[in-house]
């Protein structure tokens, strides 16, 4: 090794990128919100096809709640706020929540 030349060794650091936690968005059945409105919410906010929206709506109707999709926290929270705003404007008590997936 050349005494006038110092070598620097750079350490390679590997940072692990943590996957974001995912959340399941759920719609809950009630006695007042119409099936048509639930389908409309699923199409407009969650971008479901009418066929998929109808299937989800029937699951909500028959089982008391239904899984709409799985999203990161921020997206799930935003979609829930959109559902609540839309339901409030139409005076429906539609409940939308999230849980860890």
C-alpha atoms as a PDB file:
ATOM      1  CA  UNK A   1       0.000   0.000   0.000  1.00  0.00           C
ATOM      2  CA  UNK A   2       1.216   3.475  -0.836  1.00  0.00           C
ATOM      3  CA  UNK A   3       1.924   5.337   2.455  1.00  0.00           C
ATOM      4  CA  UNK A   4       0.915   8.689   0.943  1.00  0.00           C
ATOM      5  CA  UNK A   5      -2.378   7.361  -0.236  1.00  0.00           C
ATOM      6  CA  UNK A   6      -5.001   6.489   2.312  1.00  0.00           C
ATOM      7  CA  UNK A   7      -7.902   4.411   1.291  1.00  0.00           C
ATOM      8  CA  UNK A   8     -11.284   5.046   2.732  1.00  0.00           C
ATOM      9  CA  UNK A   9     -13.650   2.197   2.921  1.00  0.00           C
ATOM     10  CA  UNK A  10     -17.284   3.136   2.731  1.00  0.00           C
ATOM     11  CA  UNK A  11     -19.670   0.922   4.549  1.00  0.00           C
ATOM     12  CA  UNK A  12     -22.712  -0.068   2.628  1.00  0.00           C
ATOM     13  CA  UNK A  13     -25.766   0.313   4.749  1.00  0.00           C
ATOM     14  CA  UNK A  14     -28.911  -1.403   3.778  1.00  0.00           C
ATOM     15  CA  UNK A  15     -32.066   0.134   4.988  1.00  0.00           C
ATOM     16  CA  UNK A  16     -35.092  -2.036   5.001  1.00  0.00           C
ATOM     17  CA  UNK A  17     -38.160  -0.349   3.683  1.00  0.00           C
ATOM     18  CA  UNK A  18     -41.062  -1.322   5.857  1.00  0.00           C
ATOM     19  CA  UNK A  19     -44.278  -2.068   4.022  1.00  0.00           C
ATOM     20  CA  UNK A  20     -47.129   0.182   5.161  1.00  0.00           C
ATOM     21  CA  UNK A  21     -49.763  -1.353   7.374  1.00  0.00           C
ATOM     22  CA  UNK A  22     -52.949  -2.132   5.525  1.00  0.00           C
ATOM     23  CA  UNK A  23     -56.505  -1.495   6.650  1.00  0.00           C
ATOM     24  CA  UNK A  24     -59.758  -3.139   5.634  1.00  0.00           C
ATOM     25  CA  UNK A  25     -62.606  -0.686   4.955  1.00  0.00           C
ATOM     26  CA  UNK A  26     -66.037  -1.942   6.006  1.00  0.00           C
ATOM     27  CA  UNK A  27     -69.587  -0.796   5.364  1.00  0.00           C
ATOM     28  CA  UNK A  28     -72.213  -1.571   8.007  1.00  0.00           C
ATOM     29  CA  UNK A  29     -75.876  -2.337   7.464  1.00  0.00           C
ATOM     30  CA  UNK A  30     -78.640  -0.151   8.846  1.00  0.00           C
ATOM     31  CA  UNK A  31     -82.411   0.008   8.440  1.00  0.00           C
ATOM     32  CA  UNK A  32     -82.525   3.352   6.605  1.00  0.00           C
ATOM     33  CA  UNK A  33     -79.827   3.574   3.957  1.00  0.00           C
ATOM     34  CA  UNK A  34     -81.129   2.387   0.607  1.00  0.00           C
ATOM     35  CA  UNK A  35     -79.431  -0.363  -1.333  1.00  0.00           C
ATOM     36  CA  UNK A  36     -79.220   1.949  -4.340  1.00  0.00           C
ATOM     37  CA  UNK A  37     -77.313   4.541  -2.328  1.00  0.00           C
ATOM     38  CA  UNK A  38     -74.835   1.921  -1.071  1.00  0.00           C
ATOM     39  CA  UNK A  39     -74.186   0.818  -4.653  1.00  0.00           C
ATOM     40  CA  UNK A  40     -73.720   4.466  -5.681  1.00  0.00           C
ATOM     41  CA  UNK A  41     -71.173   4.991  -2.870  1.00  0.00           C
ATOM     42  CA  UNK A  42     -69.258   1.882  -3.896  1.00  0.00           C
ATOM     43  CA  UNK A  43     -69.136   2.965  -7.541  1.00  0.00           C
ATOM     44  CA  UNK A  44     -68.260   6.631  -6.937  1.00  0.00           C
ATOM     45  CA  UNK A  45     -65.900   6.443  -3.976  1.00  0.00           C
ATOM     46  CA  UNK A  46     -64.402   2.968  -4.247  1.00  0.00           C
ATOM     47  CA  UNK A  47     -64.499   2.743  -8.063  1.00  0.00           C
ATOM     48  CA  UNK A  48     -66.262  -0.619  -8.064  1.00  0.00           C
ATOM     49  CA  UNK A  49     -68.186  -1.864 -11.063  1.00  0.00           C
ATOM     50  CA  UNK A  50     -71.955  -1.937 -10.654  1.00  0.00           C
ATOM     51  CA  UNK A  51     -71.771  -5.746 -10.536  1.00  0.00           C
ATOM     52  CA  UNK A  52     -69.100  -5.785  -7.788  1.00  0.00           C
ATOM     53  CA  UNK A  53     -70.858  -2.980  -5.899  1.00  0.00           C
ATOM     54  CA  UNK A  54     -74.119  -4.940  -5.944  1.00  0.00           C
ATOM     55  CA  UNK A  55     -72.368  -8.048  -4.590  1.00  0.00           C
ATOM     56  CA  UNK A  56     -70.767  -6.054  -1.759  1.00  0.00           C
ATOM     57  CA  UNK A  57     -74.076  -4.320  -0.980  1.00  0.00           C
ATOM     58  CA  UNK A  58     -75.845  -7.696  -0.720  1.00  0.00           C
ATOM     59  CA  UNK A  59     -73.117  -8.983   1.617  1.00  0.00           C
ATOM     60  CA  UNK A  60     -73.590  -5.905   3.812  1.00  0.00           C
ATOM     61  CA  UNK A  61     -77.360  -6.414   3.747  1.00  0.00           C
ATOM     62  CA  UNK A  62     -77.232 -10.145   4.579  1.00  0.00           C
ATOM     63  CA  UNK A  63     -74.318 -10.253   7.028  1.00  0.00           C
ATOM     64  CA  UNK A  64     -74.475  -6.846   8.703  1.00  0.00           C
ATOM     65  CA  UNK A  65     -71.207  -5.620   7.243  1.00  0.00           C
ATOM     66  CA  UNK A  66     -69.068  -6.075   4.183  1.00  0.00           C
ATOM     67  CA  UNK A  67     -65.448  -5.637   3.147  1.00  0.00           C
ATOM     68  CA  UNK A  68     -65.074  -2.886   0.563  1.00  0.00           C
ATOM     69  CA  UNK A  69     -61.311  -3.072   0.075  1.00  0.00           C
ATOM     70  CA  UNK A  70     -57.878  -2.988   1.698  1.00  0.00           C
ATOM     71  CA  UNK A  71     -55.881   0.242   1.642  1.00  0.00           C
ATOM     72  CA  UNK A  72     -53.070   2.047   3.401  1.00  0.00           C
ATOM     73  CA  UNK A  73     -54.177   4.053   6.442  1.00  0.00           C
ATOM     74  CA  UNK A  74     -54.315   7.434   4.703  1.00  0.00           C
ATOM     75  CA  UNK A  75     -56.311   6.159   1.742  1.00  0.00           C
ATOM     76  CA  UNK A  76     -58.710   4.208   3.987  1.00  0.00           C
ATOM     77  CA  UNK A  77     -59.272   7.238   6.226  1.00  0.00           C
ATOM     78  CA  UNK A  78     -59.883   9.489   3.219  1.00  0.00           C
ATOM     79  CA  UNK A  79     -62.414   7.097   1.700  1.00  0.00           C
ATOM     80  CA  UNK A  80     -64.246   6.786   5.024  1.00  0.00           C
ATOM     81  CA  UNK A  81     -64.491  10.580   5.249  1.00  0.00           C
ATOM     82  CA  UNK A  82     -65.853  10.708   1.694  1.00  0.00           C
ATOM     83  CA  UNK A  83     -68.492   8.085   2.534  1.00  0.00           C
ATOM     84  CA  UNK A  84     -69.519   9.955   5.688  1.00  0.00           C
ATOM     85  CA  UNK A  85     -69.761  13.256   3.823  1.00  0.00           C
ATOM     86  CA  UNK A  86     -71.817  11.749   0.997  1.00  0.00           C
ATOM     87  CA  UNK A  87     -74.142   9.954   3.447  1.00  0.00           C
ATOM     88  CA  UNK A  88     -74.613  13.110   5.516  1.00  0.00           C
ATOM     89  CA  UNK A  89     -75.490  15.153   2.413  1.00  0.00           C
ATOM     90  CA  UNK A  90     -78.197  12.597   1.555  1.00  0.00           C
ATOM     91  CA  UNK A  91     -79.255  12.229   5.205  1.00  0.00           C
ATOM     92  CA  UNK A  92     -78.376   8.533   5.480  1.00  0.00           C
ATOM     93  CA  UNK A  93     -76.801   7.010   8.603  1.00  0.00           C
ATOM     94  CA  UNK A  94     -74.464   4.766   6.584  1.00  0.00           C
ATOM     95  CA  UNK A  95     -71.574   3.667   8.775  1.00  0.00           C
ATOM     96  CA  UNK A  96     -68.128   3.061   7.339  1.00  0.00           C
ATOM     97  CA  UNK A  97     -65.164   1.925   9.448  1.00  0.00           C
ATOM     98  CA  UNK A  98     -61.712   0.401   9.116  1.00  0.00           C
ATOM     99  CA  UNK A  99     -59.755  -2.310  10.871  1.00  0.00           C
ATOM    100  CA  UNK A 100     -56.225  -3.635  10.488  1.00  0.00           C
ATOM    101  CA  UNK A 101     -56.053  -6.144   7.675  1.00  0.00           C
END
